N, C-alpha and C. Protein backbone atom coordinates (compact mmCIF):
# COMPACT_ATOMS: atom_id res chain seq x y z
N MET A 1 89.61 -27.43 -80.18
CA MET A 1 89.18 -26.21 -80.87
C MET A 1 87.75 -26.36 -81.37
N LYS A 2 87.43 -27.54 -82.00
CA LYS A 2 86.09 -27.77 -82.53
C LYS A 2 85.07 -27.83 -81.39
N LEU A 3 85.46 -28.43 -80.27
CA LEU A 3 84.55 -28.51 -79.13
C LEU A 3 84.23 -27.13 -78.58
N ARG A 4 85.25 -26.25 -78.52
CA ARG A 4 85.05 -24.90 -78.01
C ARG A 4 84.11 -24.12 -78.92
N ALA A 5 84.28 -24.30 -80.24
CA ALA A 5 83.42 -23.60 -81.20
C ALA A 5 81.98 -24.09 -81.09
N ALA A 6 81.83 -25.39 -80.91
CA ALA A 6 80.49 -25.96 -80.79
C ALA A 6 79.80 -25.44 -79.53
N THR A 7 80.56 -25.33 -78.47
CA THR A 7 80.00 -24.82 -77.21
C THR A 7 79.52 -23.39 -77.36
N ARG A 8 80.33 -22.56 -78.04
CA ARG A 8 79.94 -21.16 -78.26
C ARG A 8 78.69 -21.07 -79.13
N LEU A 9 78.61 -21.94 -80.15
CA LEU A 9 77.44 -21.93 -81.05
C LEU A 9 76.19 -22.30 -80.28
N SER A 10 76.30 -23.29 -79.40
CA SER A 10 75.14 -23.71 -78.60
C SER A 10 74.67 -22.58 -77.69
N ALA A 11 75.61 -21.88 -77.08
CA ALA A 11 75.28 -20.77 -76.19
C ALA A 11 74.57 -19.66 -76.95
N LEU A 12 75.03 -19.40 -78.19
CA LEU A 12 74.42 -18.36 -79.01
C LEU A 12 72.99 -18.73 -79.37
N VAL A 13 72.78 -20.01 -79.72
CA VAL A 13 71.43 -20.47 -80.08
C VAL A 13 70.49 -20.33 -78.89
N LEU A 14 70.95 -20.69 -77.69
CA LEU A 14 70.13 -20.58 -76.50
C LEU A 14 69.79 -19.12 -76.20
N ALA A 15 70.76 -18.22 -76.37
CA ALA A 15 70.54 -16.80 -76.11
C ALA A 15 69.51 -16.23 -77.07
N LEU A 16 69.63 -16.60 -78.36
CA LEU A 16 68.67 -16.11 -79.35
C LEU A 16 67.28 -16.65 -79.07
N GLY A 17 67.22 -17.89 -78.63
CA GLY A 17 65.93 -18.48 -78.29
C GLY A 17 65.27 -17.76 -77.14
N ALA A 18 66.07 -17.44 -76.13
CA ALA A 18 65.54 -16.72 -74.97
C ALA A 18 65.07 -15.34 -75.35
N LEU A 19 65.83 -14.67 -76.24
CA LEU A 19 65.45 -13.34 -76.70
C LEU A 19 64.13 -13.39 -77.45
N GLY A 20 63.98 -14.43 -78.29
CA GLY A 20 62.74 -14.57 -79.05
C GLY A 20 61.56 -14.77 -78.12
N CYS A 21 61.73 -15.54 -77.06
CA CYS A 21 60.65 -15.76 -76.10
C CYS A 21 60.29 -14.47 -75.38
N ALA A 22 61.34 -13.68 -75.04
CA ALA A 22 61.10 -12.43 -74.33
C ALA A 22 60.31 -11.47 -75.21
N GLU A 23 60.68 -11.40 -76.52
CA GLU A 23 59.99 -10.50 -77.42
C GLU A 23 58.53 -10.90 -77.58
N GLU A 24 58.26 -12.22 -77.58
CA GLU A 24 56.89 -12.68 -77.74
C GLU A 24 56.04 -12.29 -76.53
N GLY A 25 56.68 -12.04 -75.38
CA GLY A 25 55.95 -11.69 -74.18
C GLY A 25 55.57 -10.21 -74.12
N TYR A 26 56.14 -9.36 -75.00
CA TYR A 26 55.84 -7.94 -74.98
C TYR A 26 54.43 -7.68 -75.47
N GLU A 27 53.79 -6.67 -74.85
CA GLU A 27 52.48 -6.24 -75.30
C GLU A 27 52.61 -4.86 -75.93
N ILE A 28 52.17 -4.73 -77.15
CA ILE A 28 52.26 -3.47 -77.87
C ILE A 28 50.95 -2.71 -77.73
N THR A 29 51.04 -1.46 -77.24
CA THR A 29 49.84 -0.65 -77.05
C THR A 29 49.52 0.11 -78.34
N ASP A 30 48.30 -0.01 -78.79
CA ASP A 30 47.85 0.69 -80.00
C ASP A 30 47.38 2.09 -79.61
N LEU A 31 48.11 3.11 -80.07
CA LEU A 31 47.79 4.49 -79.73
C LEU A 31 47.03 5.21 -80.83
N SER A 32 46.65 4.48 -81.87
CA SER A 32 46.01 5.12 -83.03
C SER A 32 44.64 5.69 -82.70
N ASN A 33 44.01 5.22 -81.62
CA ASN A 33 42.69 5.71 -81.25
C ASN A 33 42.70 6.37 -79.88
N GLU A 34 43.85 6.93 -79.50
CA GLU A 34 44.01 7.52 -78.18
C GLU A 34 43.21 8.81 -78.04
N PHE A 35 42.69 9.05 -76.84
CA PHE A 35 41.99 10.29 -76.49
C PHE A 35 43.03 11.32 -76.05
N VAL A 36 43.13 12.45 -76.77
CA VAL A 36 44.22 13.40 -76.57
C VAL A 36 43.67 14.82 -76.45
N VAL A 37 44.25 15.60 -75.55
CA VAL A 37 44.00 17.04 -75.47
C VAL A 37 45.28 17.77 -75.85
N SER A 38 45.16 18.76 -76.70
CA SER A 38 46.35 19.52 -77.13
C SER A 38 46.04 21.02 -77.15
N PRO A 39 47.06 21.85 -76.85
CA PRO A 39 48.40 21.45 -76.43
C PRO A 39 48.40 20.87 -75.02
N ALA A 40 49.29 19.92 -74.78
CA ALA A 40 49.35 19.26 -73.47
C ALA A 40 49.93 20.19 -72.39
N PHE A 41 50.90 21.01 -72.79
CA PHE A 41 51.52 21.99 -71.89
C PHE A 41 51.56 23.32 -72.62
N TYR A 42 51.12 24.38 -71.95
CA TYR A 42 51.08 25.67 -72.64
C TYR A 42 51.35 26.79 -71.65
N GLY A 43 52.18 27.76 -72.08
CA GLY A 43 52.46 28.94 -71.29
C GLY A 43 52.04 30.18 -72.05
N ILE A 44 51.42 31.13 -71.37
CA ILE A 44 50.93 32.34 -72.02
C ILE A 44 50.97 33.48 -71.02
N ASP A 45 51.13 34.71 -71.52
CA ASP A 45 51.13 35.87 -70.64
C ASP A 45 49.70 36.31 -70.35
N GLU A 46 49.47 36.81 -69.14
CA GLU A 46 48.14 37.29 -68.79
C GLU A 46 47.75 38.45 -69.70
N GLY A 47 46.47 38.51 -70.02
CA GLY A 47 45.98 39.60 -70.84
C GLY A 47 46.05 39.37 -72.33
N LEU A 48 46.69 38.28 -72.77
CA LEU A 48 46.78 38.01 -74.19
C LEU A 48 45.48 37.37 -74.70
N PRO A 49 45.28 37.35 -76.03
CA PRO A 49 44.05 36.77 -76.58
C PRO A 49 43.90 35.28 -76.23
N ALA A 50 42.66 34.81 -76.34
CA ALA A 50 42.35 33.42 -76.02
C ALA A 50 43.07 32.45 -76.95
N VAL A 51 43.28 31.23 -76.46
CA VAL A 51 43.96 30.17 -77.21
C VAL A 51 43.02 28.98 -77.36
N GLN A 52 43.01 28.40 -78.55
CA GLN A 52 42.13 27.26 -78.80
C GLN A 52 42.77 25.95 -78.37
N PHE A 53 42.12 25.23 -77.46
CA PHE A 53 42.52 23.87 -77.10
C PHE A 53 41.63 22.89 -77.85
N ARG A 54 42.16 21.70 -78.12
CA ARG A 54 41.42 20.72 -78.90
C ARG A 54 41.48 19.35 -78.25
N ALA A 55 40.40 18.59 -78.44
CA ALA A 55 40.34 17.21 -77.97
C ALA A 55 40.08 16.32 -79.19
N THR A 56 40.85 15.25 -79.31
CA THR A 56 40.70 14.34 -80.44
C THR A 56 40.65 12.89 -79.96
N GLN A 57 39.95 12.08 -80.71
CA GLN A 57 39.92 10.62 -80.50
C GLN A 57 40.49 10.01 -81.76
N GLY A 58 41.72 9.51 -81.66
CA GLY A 58 42.42 9.11 -82.88
C GLY A 58 42.75 10.37 -83.66
N SER A 59 42.32 10.44 -84.92
CA SER A 59 42.59 11.62 -85.74
C SER A 59 41.36 12.50 -85.89
N ALA A 60 40.26 12.15 -85.22
CA ALA A 60 39.00 12.88 -85.39
C ALA A 60 38.70 13.73 -84.17
N PRO A 61 38.05 14.89 -84.37
CA PRO A 61 37.64 15.71 -83.22
C PRO A 61 36.72 14.91 -82.30
N ALA A 62 36.91 15.11 -80.99
CA ALA A 62 36.10 14.39 -80.00
C ALA A 62 35.04 15.32 -79.43
N SER A 63 33.88 14.77 -79.15
CA SER A 63 32.80 15.53 -78.52
C SER A 63 33.02 15.49 -77.01
N VAL A 64 33.33 16.63 -76.41
CA VAL A 64 33.71 16.68 -75.00
C VAL A 64 33.07 17.88 -74.32
N THR A 65 33.14 17.86 -73.00
CA THR A 65 32.84 19.05 -72.20
C THR A 65 34.15 19.55 -71.62
N TRP A 66 34.27 20.87 -71.46
CA TRP A 66 35.52 21.47 -71.01
C TRP A 66 35.33 22.12 -69.64
N GLU A 67 36.41 22.13 -68.87
CA GLU A 67 36.39 22.85 -67.59
C GLU A 67 37.80 23.29 -67.23
N SER A 68 37.87 24.38 -66.45
CA SER A 68 39.13 24.88 -65.92
C SER A 68 39.17 24.63 -64.43
N SER A 69 40.32 24.18 -63.94
CA SER A 69 40.45 23.91 -62.51
C SER A 69 40.52 25.19 -61.69
N ASN A 70 40.82 26.32 -62.35
CA ASN A 70 40.95 27.59 -61.64
C ASN A 70 40.52 28.73 -62.56
N SER A 71 39.24 29.10 -62.47
CA SER A 71 38.72 30.14 -63.37
C SER A 71 39.28 31.52 -63.06
N ALA A 72 39.93 31.68 -61.90
CA ALA A 72 40.59 32.96 -61.59
C ALA A 72 41.88 33.11 -62.39
N VAL A 73 42.42 31.99 -62.86
CA VAL A 73 43.64 32.01 -63.69
C VAL A 73 43.29 31.96 -65.17
N ALA A 74 42.34 31.08 -65.54
CA ALA A 74 41.96 30.95 -66.95
C ALA A 74 40.54 30.40 -67.03
N THR A 75 39.80 30.87 -68.02
CA THR A 75 38.46 30.36 -68.27
C THR A 75 38.47 29.59 -69.59
N VAL A 76 37.50 28.69 -69.76
CA VAL A 76 37.42 27.92 -70.99
C VAL A 76 35.96 27.84 -71.42
N THR A 77 35.72 28.00 -72.71
CA THR A 77 34.36 27.93 -73.24
C THR A 77 33.99 26.49 -73.55
N SER A 78 32.74 26.30 -73.96
CA SER A 78 32.26 24.96 -74.30
C SER A 78 32.94 24.40 -75.54
N THR A 79 33.64 25.26 -76.30
CA THR A 79 34.34 24.81 -77.50
C THR A 79 35.85 24.67 -77.29
N GLY A 80 36.34 24.91 -76.04
CA GLY A 80 37.75 24.74 -75.74
C GLY A 80 38.60 25.99 -75.93
N LEU A 81 37.95 27.16 -76.02
CA LEU A 81 38.69 28.40 -76.17
C LEU A 81 39.08 28.90 -74.78
N VAL A 82 40.40 28.98 -74.53
CA VAL A 82 40.92 29.29 -73.19
C VAL A 82 41.42 30.74 -73.14
N THR A 83 40.93 31.49 -72.16
CA THR A 83 41.33 32.89 -71.99
C THR A 83 42.15 33.05 -70.72
N PRO A 84 43.41 33.54 -70.82
CA PRO A 84 44.20 33.78 -69.62
C PRO A 84 43.66 34.99 -68.87
N VAL A 85 43.54 34.87 -67.54
CA VAL A 85 42.97 35.95 -66.74
C VAL A 85 44.02 36.55 -65.81
N ASN A 86 44.61 35.73 -64.96
CA ASN A 86 45.64 36.16 -64.02
C ASN A 86 46.76 35.13 -63.99
N ASP A 87 47.91 35.56 -63.47
CA ASP A 87 49.05 34.64 -63.42
C ASP A 87 48.76 33.49 -62.46
N GLY A 88 49.28 32.31 -62.79
CA GLY A 88 49.09 31.12 -61.98
C GLY A 88 49.02 29.88 -62.84
N PHE A 89 48.50 28.79 -62.27
CA PHE A 89 48.42 27.51 -62.96
C PHE A 89 46.97 27.02 -62.98
N ALA A 90 46.62 26.35 -64.06
CA ALA A 90 45.28 25.76 -64.17
C ALA A 90 45.37 24.51 -65.03
N ALA A 91 44.51 23.55 -64.71
CA ALA A 91 44.36 22.37 -65.55
C ALA A 91 43.13 22.57 -66.43
N ILE A 92 43.31 22.38 -67.73
CA ILE A 92 42.21 22.49 -68.67
C ILE A 92 41.80 21.06 -69.03
N THR A 93 40.60 20.67 -68.63
CA THR A 93 40.20 19.26 -68.71
C THR A 93 39.06 19.06 -69.70
N ALA A 94 39.22 18.04 -70.53
CA ALA A 94 38.17 17.62 -71.46
C ALA A 94 37.60 16.30 -70.96
N THR A 95 36.27 16.20 -70.92
CA THR A 95 35.60 14.98 -70.46
C THR A 95 34.78 14.38 -71.59
N GLN A 96 35.00 13.09 -71.83
CA GLN A 96 34.25 12.34 -72.84
C GLN A 96 33.71 11.09 -72.17
N GLY A 97 32.44 11.13 -71.77
CA GLY A 97 31.88 10.00 -71.03
C GLY A 97 32.59 9.80 -69.71
N THR A 98 33.20 8.64 -69.53
CA THR A 98 33.94 8.36 -68.29
C THR A 98 35.42 8.69 -68.41
N LYS A 99 35.84 9.16 -69.58
CA LYS A 99 37.26 9.47 -69.80
C LYS A 99 37.52 10.96 -69.62
N LYS A 100 38.63 11.26 -68.96
CA LYS A 100 39.07 12.64 -68.77
C LYS A 100 40.52 12.78 -69.21
N LYS A 101 40.83 13.91 -69.79
CA LYS A 101 42.21 14.20 -70.17
C LYS A 101 42.45 15.69 -69.91
N SER A 102 43.58 16.00 -69.24
CA SER A 102 43.87 17.38 -68.85
C SER A 102 45.13 17.90 -69.51
N ALA A 103 45.14 19.20 -69.76
CA ALA A 103 46.33 19.90 -70.23
C ALA A 103 46.77 20.87 -69.13
N SER A 104 48.06 21.16 -69.06
CA SER A 104 48.61 22.05 -68.05
C SER A 104 48.82 23.43 -68.64
N LEU A 105 48.23 24.44 -68.00
CA LEU A 105 48.34 25.82 -68.48
C LEU A 105 49.04 26.69 -67.44
N THR A 106 50.06 27.43 -67.87
CA THR A 106 50.74 28.41 -67.02
C THR A 106 50.48 29.80 -67.57
N VAL A 107 49.95 30.68 -66.72
CA VAL A 107 49.74 32.07 -67.12
C VAL A 107 50.79 32.92 -66.41
N ASN A 108 51.62 33.58 -67.20
CA ASN A 108 52.72 34.37 -66.66
C ASN A 108 52.28 35.80 -66.32
N ALA A 109 52.74 36.30 -65.18
CA ALA A 109 52.46 37.68 -64.80
C ALA A 109 53.24 38.63 -65.70
N LEU A 110 52.69 39.82 -65.91
CA LEU A 110 53.37 40.84 -66.70
C LEU A 110 53.94 41.92 -65.78
N PHE A 111 55.11 42.45 -66.16
CA PHE A 111 55.76 43.47 -65.36
C PHE A 111 56.18 44.62 -66.27
N GLY A 112 56.47 45.75 -65.66
CA GLY A 112 57.01 46.87 -66.41
C GLY A 112 55.97 47.65 -67.20
N THR A 113 56.46 48.69 -67.88
CA THR A 113 55.62 49.58 -68.68
C THR A 113 55.58 49.10 -70.12
N PRO A 114 54.38 48.91 -70.70
CA PRO A 114 54.32 48.46 -72.10
C PRO A 114 54.76 49.55 -73.06
N VAL A 115 55.47 49.17 -74.11
CA VAL A 115 55.87 50.10 -75.16
C VAL A 115 55.31 49.60 -76.48
N VAL A 116 55.13 50.53 -77.41
CA VAL A 116 54.59 50.21 -78.73
C VAL A 116 55.71 50.25 -79.75
N SER A 117 55.72 49.27 -80.64
CA SER A 117 56.76 49.22 -81.67
C SER A 117 56.80 50.51 -82.48
N GLY A 118 58.00 51.09 -82.59
CA GLY A 118 58.20 52.29 -83.40
C GLY A 118 57.84 53.59 -82.71
N VAL A 119 57.36 53.53 -81.49
CA VAL A 119 56.98 54.74 -80.74
C VAL A 119 57.96 54.95 -79.59
N GLY A 120 58.70 56.05 -79.64
CA GLY A 120 59.72 56.31 -78.64
C GLY A 120 59.13 56.66 -77.27
N VAL A 121 59.87 56.29 -76.22
CA VAL A 121 59.51 56.65 -74.85
C VAL A 121 60.52 57.70 -74.39
N PRO A 122 60.11 58.97 -74.26
CA PRO A 122 61.07 60.05 -73.98
C PRO A 122 61.29 60.27 -72.48
N ASN A 123 62.24 61.15 -72.21
CA ASN A 123 62.49 61.66 -70.85
C ASN A 123 62.80 60.55 -69.84
N ILE A 124 63.63 59.62 -70.27
CA ILE A 124 64.04 58.54 -69.37
C ILE A 124 65.32 58.94 -68.63
N GLY A 125 65.35 58.67 -67.35
CA GLY A 125 66.53 58.97 -66.56
C GLY A 125 66.31 58.60 -65.11
N GLY A 126 67.28 58.96 -64.28
CA GLY A 126 67.17 58.66 -62.86
C GLY A 126 68.53 58.63 -62.21
N ALA A 127 68.52 58.30 -60.93
CA ALA A 127 69.75 58.24 -60.16
C ALA A 127 70.29 56.82 -60.13
N VAL A 128 71.57 56.69 -59.85
CA VAL A 128 72.19 55.38 -59.73
C VAL A 128 71.47 54.57 -58.65
N GLY A 129 71.14 53.31 -58.98
CA GLY A 129 70.46 52.44 -58.03
C GLY A 129 68.97 52.33 -58.26
N ILE A 130 68.38 53.17 -59.12
CA ILE A 130 66.96 53.09 -59.40
C ILE A 130 66.66 51.77 -60.11
N THR A 131 65.55 51.14 -59.76
CA THR A 131 65.23 49.81 -60.33
C THR A 131 63.88 49.79 -61.04
N THR A 132 63.31 50.95 -61.30
CA THR A 132 61.96 51.01 -61.87
C THR A 132 61.94 51.16 -63.39
N LEU A 133 63.09 51.22 -64.01
CA LEU A 133 63.13 51.43 -65.47
C LEU A 133 63.02 50.09 -66.19
N LEU A 134 61.83 49.49 -66.10
CA LEU A 134 61.56 48.20 -66.73
C LEU A 134 60.40 48.37 -67.71
N TYR A 135 60.58 47.87 -68.92
CA TYR A 135 59.59 48.01 -69.99
C TYR A 135 59.35 46.65 -70.64
N ARG A 136 58.27 46.56 -71.40
CA ARG A 136 57.98 45.31 -72.09
C ARG A 136 57.34 45.59 -73.44
N ILE A 137 57.54 44.64 -74.37
CA ILE A 137 56.91 44.73 -75.68
C ILE A 137 56.51 43.32 -76.11
N TYR A 138 55.31 43.19 -76.67
CA TYR A 138 54.84 41.88 -77.12
C TYR A 138 55.18 41.70 -78.60
N ILE A 139 55.72 40.52 -78.92
CA ILE A 139 56.11 40.21 -80.31
C ILE A 139 55.24 39.07 -80.82
N PRO A 140 54.44 39.32 -81.86
CA PRO A 140 53.63 38.24 -82.44
C PRO A 140 54.51 37.21 -83.16
N THR A 141 53.91 36.11 -83.55
CA THR A 141 54.62 35.05 -84.26
C THR A 141 55.06 35.52 -85.64
N GLY A 142 56.24 35.08 -86.06
CA GLY A 142 56.70 35.31 -87.42
C GLY A 142 57.46 36.60 -87.67
N LYS A 143 57.79 37.36 -86.65
CA LYS A 143 58.54 38.60 -86.84
C LYS A 143 60.03 38.29 -87.04
N THR A 144 60.68 39.13 -87.82
CA THR A 144 62.07 38.84 -88.21
C THR A 144 63.12 39.53 -87.34
N GLN A 145 62.72 40.59 -86.61
CA GLN A 145 63.73 41.31 -85.84
C GLN A 145 63.11 42.17 -84.74
N LEU A 146 63.81 42.23 -83.62
CA LEU A 146 63.52 43.19 -82.56
C LEU A 146 64.77 44.04 -82.37
N ARG A 147 64.59 45.35 -82.51
CA ARG A 147 65.71 46.26 -82.31
C ARG A 147 65.32 47.26 -81.22
N VAL A 148 66.17 47.35 -80.20
CA VAL A 148 65.93 48.26 -79.08
C VAL A 148 67.09 49.22 -78.97
N THR A 149 66.79 50.52 -78.90
CA THR A 149 67.85 51.53 -78.78
C THR A 149 67.54 52.49 -77.64
N LEU A 150 68.59 53.06 -77.09
CA LEU A 150 68.48 54.12 -76.09
C LEU A 150 69.45 55.22 -76.52
N ALA A 151 68.96 56.45 -76.66
CA ALA A 151 69.81 57.52 -77.18
C ALA A 151 69.41 58.86 -76.56
N GLY A 152 70.37 59.80 -76.59
CA GLY A 152 70.12 61.16 -76.14
C GLY A 152 70.20 61.33 -74.65
N GLY A 153 70.00 62.57 -74.23
CA GLY A 153 69.99 62.88 -72.80
C GLY A 153 71.39 62.91 -72.20
N THR A 154 71.41 62.90 -70.88
CA THR A 154 72.66 62.98 -70.14
C THR A 154 72.86 61.71 -69.31
N GLY A 155 74.06 61.59 -68.73
CA GLY A 155 74.36 60.44 -67.90
C GLY A 155 74.75 59.23 -68.71
N ASP A 156 74.67 58.07 -68.09
CA ASP A 156 75.06 56.82 -68.74
C ASP A 156 74.09 55.72 -68.27
N ILE A 157 73.23 55.27 -69.19
CA ILE A 157 72.23 54.25 -68.87
C ILE A 157 72.48 53.04 -69.76
N ASP A 158 72.62 51.87 -69.15
CA ASP A 158 72.89 50.64 -69.89
C ASP A 158 71.60 49.89 -70.20
N LEU A 159 71.66 49.09 -71.25
CA LEU A 159 70.47 48.45 -71.80
C LEU A 159 70.58 46.92 -71.71
N TYR A 160 69.51 46.27 -71.19
CA TYR A 160 69.45 44.81 -71.08
C TYR A 160 68.10 44.32 -71.61
N VAL A 161 68.13 43.30 -72.48
CA VAL A 161 66.91 42.78 -73.10
C VAL A 161 66.83 41.28 -72.88
N GLN A 162 65.63 40.77 -72.57
CA GLN A 162 65.46 39.35 -72.28
C GLN A 162 64.04 38.92 -72.63
N LYS A 163 63.93 37.70 -73.20
CA LYS A 163 62.60 37.12 -73.46
C LYS A 163 61.97 36.67 -72.14
N GLY A 164 60.69 37.06 -71.91
CA GLY A 164 59.98 36.63 -70.72
C GLY A 164 59.71 35.14 -70.74
N PRO A 165 59.30 34.57 -69.61
CA PRO A 165 58.87 35.27 -68.40
C PRO A 165 59.99 35.73 -67.48
N ASN A 166 61.24 35.33 -67.76
CA ASN A 166 62.35 35.79 -66.92
C ASN A 166 62.67 37.24 -67.22
N LEU A 167 62.92 38.02 -66.18
CA LEU A 167 63.24 39.43 -66.34
C LEU A 167 64.76 39.60 -66.49
N PRO A 168 65.17 40.56 -67.34
CA PRO A 168 66.61 40.79 -67.47
C PRO A 168 67.19 41.47 -66.24
N THR A 169 68.43 41.15 -65.95
CA THR A 169 69.17 41.81 -64.89
C THR A 169 70.56 42.12 -65.45
N THR A 170 71.38 42.73 -64.63
CA THR A 170 72.74 43.03 -65.08
C THR A 170 73.60 41.79 -65.17
N SER A 171 73.12 40.66 -64.65
CA SER A 171 73.89 39.41 -64.71
C SER A 171 73.20 38.32 -65.52
N ALA A 172 71.95 38.53 -65.91
CA ALA A 172 71.20 37.54 -66.69
C ALA A 172 70.38 38.27 -67.74
N TYR A 173 70.68 38.01 -69.01
CA TYR A 173 70.05 38.76 -70.09
C TYR A 173 70.22 38.01 -71.40
N GLY A 174 69.43 38.39 -72.39
CA GLY A 174 69.59 37.85 -73.73
C GLY A 174 70.49 38.72 -74.58
N CYS A 175 70.42 40.03 -74.35
CA CYS A 175 71.28 40.99 -75.06
C CYS A 175 71.61 42.14 -74.11
N ARG A 176 72.86 42.62 -74.21
CA ARG A 176 73.31 43.71 -73.35
C ARG A 176 74.04 44.75 -74.19
N SER A 177 73.82 46.04 -73.86
CA SER A 177 74.59 47.12 -74.47
C SER A 177 74.95 48.09 -73.37
N TRP A 178 76.27 48.31 -73.19
CA TRP A 178 76.71 49.19 -72.11
C TRP A 178 77.86 50.10 -72.56
N ASN A 179 77.61 50.76 -73.66
CA ASN A 179 78.58 51.73 -74.16
C ASN A 179 78.59 52.96 -73.24
N GLY A 180 79.60 53.81 -73.40
CA GLY A 180 79.63 55.05 -72.65
C GLY A 180 78.51 55.97 -73.11
N GLY A 181 77.93 56.72 -72.18
CA GLY A 181 76.82 57.60 -72.54
C GLY A 181 75.56 56.80 -72.83
N ASN A 182 74.66 57.40 -73.60
CA ASN A 182 73.39 56.74 -73.90
C ASN A 182 73.28 56.38 -75.38
N GLY A 183 74.27 55.71 -75.88
CA GLY A 183 74.24 55.23 -77.26
C GLY A 183 74.14 53.72 -77.27
N GLU A 184 73.03 53.19 -76.76
CA GLU A 184 72.88 51.74 -76.59
C GLU A 184 71.98 51.13 -77.66
N SER A 185 72.28 49.87 -78.02
CA SER A 185 71.49 49.21 -79.05
C SER A 185 71.57 47.69 -78.88
N CYS A 186 70.41 47.03 -78.98
CA CYS A 186 70.33 45.57 -78.98
C CYS A 186 69.46 45.13 -80.16
N THR A 187 69.95 44.16 -80.94
CA THR A 187 69.20 43.64 -82.07
C THR A 187 69.09 42.12 -81.94
N ILE A 188 67.86 41.63 -81.97
CA ILE A 188 67.60 40.18 -81.87
C ILE A 188 66.95 39.74 -83.17
N ALA A 189 67.60 38.82 -83.89
CA ALA A 189 67.05 38.29 -85.14
C ALA A 189 66.05 37.18 -84.86
N ASN A 190 64.96 37.18 -85.62
CA ASN A 190 63.92 36.14 -85.51
C ASN A 190 63.52 35.89 -84.06
N PRO A 191 63.08 36.91 -83.35
CA PRO A 191 62.71 36.73 -81.94
C PRO A 191 61.50 35.82 -81.81
N SER A 192 61.49 34.96 -80.81
CA SER A 192 60.34 34.10 -80.58
C SER A 192 59.17 34.94 -80.09
N SER A 193 57.96 34.48 -80.38
CA SER A 193 56.78 35.25 -80.01
C SER A 193 56.60 35.25 -78.50
N GLY A 194 56.00 36.31 -77.99
CA GLY A 194 55.79 36.44 -76.56
C GLY A 194 56.22 37.81 -76.07
N THR A 195 56.27 37.96 -74.76
CA THR A 195 56.65 39.23 -74.15
C THR A 195 58.16 39.31 -73.95
N TRP A 196 58.74 40.39 -74.41
CA TRP A 196 60.16 40.66 -74.21
C TRP A 196 60.29 41.84 -73.25
N TYR A 197 61.27 41.72 -72.34
CA TYR A 197 61.46 42.75 -71.33
C TYR A 197 62.73 43.56 -71.61
N ILE A 198 62.65 44.84 -71.27
CA ILE A 198 63.76 45.78 -71.46
C ILE A 198 64.05 46.43 -70.10
N TYR A 199 65.26 46.23 -69.61
CA TYR A 199 65.65 46.82 -68.33
C TYR A 199 66.75 47.84 -68.57
N LEU A 200 66.59 49.03 -67.98
CA LEU A 200 67.57 50.10 -68.11
C LEU A 200 68.24 50.31 -66.76
N ASP A 201 69.56 50.16 -66.74
CA ASP A 201 70.33 50.28 -65.50
C ASP A 201 71.12 51.59 -65.54
N VAL A 202 70.87 52.45 -64.56
CA VAL A 202 71.53 53.75 -64.52
C VAL A 202 72.94 53.58 -63.95
N TYR A 203 73.93 53.74 -64.83
CA TYR A 203 75.32 53.62 -64.41
C TYR A 203 75.84 54.96 -63.90
N GLU A 204 75.40 56.05 -64.56
CA GLU A 204 75.69 57.41 -64.09
C GLU A 204 74.39 58.20 -64.17
N THR A 205 74.07 58.93 -63.12
CA THR A 205 72.82 59.68 -63.05
C THR A 205 72.64 60.56 -64.28
N GLY A 206 71.42 60.52 -64.84
CA GLY A 206 71.17 61.30 -66.04
C GLY A 206 69.68 61.49 -66.28
N ALA A 207 69.34 62.12 -67.40
CA ALA A 207 67.95 62.40 -67.73
C ALA A 207 67.82 62.67 -69.23
N GLY A 208 66.57 62.60 -69.72
CA GLY A 208 66.28 63.03 -71.09
C GLY A 208 66.57 62.02 -72.17
N ALA A 209 66.83 60.75 -71.84
CA ALA A 209 67.10 59.75 -72.88
C ALA A 209 65.78 59.26 -73.49
N THR A 210 65.87 58.69 -74.70
CA THR A 210 64.69 58.16 -75.37
C THR A 210 64.89 56.68 -75.70
N LEU A 211 63.91 55.85 -75.28
CA LEU A 211 63.92 54.42 -75.56
C LEU A 211 63.03 54.15 -76.78
N LEU A 212 63.54 53.33 -77.70
CA LEU A 212 62.78 52.98 -78.90
C LEU A 212 62.91 51.48 -79.16
N ALA A 213 61.78 50.80 -79.24
CA ALA A 213 61.77 49.37 -79.57
C ALA A 213 60.99 49.21 -80.88
N THR A 214 61.60 48.52 -81.83
CA THR A 214 60.99 48.35 -83.15
C THR A 214 60.96 46.89 -83.53
N VAL A 215 59.76 46.40 -83.86
CA VAL A 215 59.58 45.02 -84.30
C VAL A 215 59.40 45.02 -85.81
N THR A 216 60.22 44.24 -86.51
CA THR A 216 60.19 44.20 -87.96
C THR A 216 59.35 43.02 -88.44
N PRO A 217 58.38 43.26 -89.36
CA PRO A 217 57.55 42.16 -89.87
C PRO A 217 58.39 41.09 -90.56
């Protein structure tokens, strides 16, 4: 019994010794003075205001030159202000001497008819199978609610709401309302900022409905 215990103790000591040697062989990289561009990955809808990109060395701003890999998608100023132009992809690169660091930018295409918060869109309708009743509304940061309603008119039109860049369909959506007639309503609490899409699916041919999207501060 004592011999078996001694053997186990020896094996444990050898294992710990080997572990200690392995740890001593590790090299720890100091990232406190790393050259960084932020945001590293960014998605934005075309036509929205410019976004500020930044380059830092450690915790201090870095003196760099900026360039866009595709000025047809996005342009960048000498101070790192990036403006989305058309949908697509671009690398936003900061150069400091011989060092380069790039961020990935995606500009999303916009679809549908824009609507204004609190302003109704009247005379909505169509025949079964129509696919053109697509609308969009932009929600700034910090809003507490998006409420979308469809009311009035004839027929039966269903309501689907989805945060972009994905478009809502009858099988993929963030919120759906498909009551009888045109008494539809979708409410999203604390919606994330960006473009939200509204798709209206004509279940029974009709006309004269009013769409209303309201963003609450």
